[in-house]
Amino acid sequence: MSDDGSIARFLHSAARAVGRRYAESKRAYSDGQTRADSDGPYDEHARIVCRRYAQKRTVVLDGYEPDCFEAGHPDCEGCLEDVREGTVETW
């Protein structure tokens, strides 16, 4: 029965880690969501809330594409769309 206990502990700790990560993401999003200027390109550097890693980071923008952008990754694609549309989560 110790195997059942270790599985339960593992599941409990994994669920807590997921909950903490969700709370961090939610907090970062609500703290940093703003409407960007509609005048066009942002400054060369932008302070964004990264969807992929749920962290605040400063990125270099090449036109509208952050330097950390990875084509095909859904979080990165969503971030790029927000930057192009003028809505970006910032801090």
Protein backbone atom coordinates (compact mmCIF):
# COMPACT_ATOMS: atom_id res chain seq x y z
CA MET A 1 0.00 0.00 0.00
CA SER A 2 2.95 2.37 0.19
CA ASP A 3 2.79 2.63 -3.61
CA ASP A 4 -0.73 4.04 -3.33
CA GLY A 5 0.48 6.59 -0.80
CA SER A 6 3.39 7.71 -2.93
CA ILE A 7 1.13 8.05 -5.98
CA ALA A 8 -1.31 10.10 -3.95
CA ARG A 9 1.51 12.36 -2.68
CA PHE A 10 2.82 12.78 -6.22
CA LEU A 11 -0.62 13.68 -7.57
CA HIS A 12 -1.20 16.09 -4.70
CA SER A 13 2.13 17.88 -5.23
CA ALA A 14 1.61 18.00 -9.02
CA ALA A 15 -1.87 19.48 -8.57
CA ARG A 16 -0.51 22.12 -6.17
CA ALA A 17 2.25 23.04 -8.62
CA VAL A 18 -0.28 23.42 -11.43
CA GLY A 19 -2.46 25.57 -9.18
CA ARG A 20 0.47 27.83 -8.27
CA ARG A 21 1.44 28.17 -11.93
CA TYR A 22 -2.15 29.06 -12.86
CA ALA A 23 -2.33 31.66 -10.08
CA GLU A 24 0.97 33.21 -11.20
CA SER A 25 -0.24 33.35 -14.81
CA LYS A 26 -3.57 34.87 -13.83
CA ARG A 27 -1.88 37.47 -11.63
CA ALA A 28 0.66 38.38 -14.32
CA TYR A 29 -2.10 38.73 -16.89
CA SER A 30 -4.34 40.92 -14.74
CA ASP A 31 -1.40 43.04 -13.54
CA GLY A 32 -0.05 43.60 -17.01
CA GLN A 33 -2.94 43.76 -19.44
CA THR A 34 -3.12 47.10 -21.21
CA ARG A 35 -4.18 48.44 -24.53
CA ALA A 36 -1.17 49.49 -26.60
CA ASP A 37 -1.03 52.69 -28.60
CA SER A 38 -2.66 52.32 -31.99
CA ASP A 39 -0.07 54.57 -33.66
CA GLY A 40 2.02 51.69 -34.95
CA PRO A 41 5.22 49.94 -33.97
CA TYR A 42 6.21 49.77 -30.37
CA ASP A 43 9.56 50.92 -29.12
CA GLU A 44 12.43 48.65 -30.03
CA HIS A 45 12.13 47.07 -26.59
CA ALA A 46 8.83 45.98 -25.09
CA ARG A 47 8.03 44.73 -21.62
CA ILE A 48 5.53 41.91 -22.10
CA VAL A 49 3.95 39.15 -20.06
CA CYS A 50 5.07 35.96 -21.77
CA ARG A 51 2.17 33.57 -22.32
CA ARG A 52 4.45 30.60 -22.86
CA TYR A 53 6.36 30.84 -19.58
CA ALA A 54 3.95 33.08 -17.62
CA GLN A 55 6.67 35.54 -16.73
CA LYS A 56 7.44 39.19 -17.21
CA ARG A 57 10.21 39.81 -19.73
CA THR A 58 11.73 42.54 -21.82
CA VAL A 59 11.96 41.60 -25.49
CA VAL A 60 13.45 43.19 -28.56
CA LEU A 61 10.88 43.75 -31.29
CA ASP A 62 11.89 43.29 -34.90
CA GLY A 63 9.00 45.15 -36.46
CA TYR A 64 6.16 43.43 -34.61
CA GLU A 65 7.88 40.11 -33.85
CA PRO A 66 9.41 39.61 -30.38
CA ASP A 67 12.92 38.19 -30.45
CA CYS A 68 11.77 35.21 -28.36
CA PHE A 69 9.08 34.23 -30.90
CA GLU A 70 8.98 30.55 -31.90
CA ALA A 71 6.96 29.84 -35.04
CA GLY A 72 4.35 27.15 -34.60
CA HIS A 73 4.11 27.40 -30.80
CA PRO A 74 0.49 28.32 -29.95
CA ASP A 75 1.41 30.69 -27.10
CA CYS A 76 3.98 32.49 -29.26
CA GLU A 77 1.56 32.71 -32.18
CA GLY A 78 -1.10 34.24 -29.89
CA CYS A 79 1.39 36.76 -28.53
CA LEU A 80 2.42 37.77 -32.04
CA GLU A 81 -1.23 38.28 -33.01
CA ASP A 82 -1.77 40.51 -29.96
CA VAL A 83 1.31 42.58 -30.78
CA ARG A 84 0.18 43.02 -34.40
CA GLU A 85 -3.38 43.95 -33.35
CA GLY A 86 -2.12 46.49 -30.84
CA THR A 87 -3.24 44.60 -27.76
CA VAL A 88 -0.36 43.32 -25.70
CA GLU A 89 -0.01 42.30 -22.08
CA THR A 90 2.61 44.58 -20.56
CA TRP A 91 4.08 45.41 -17.18
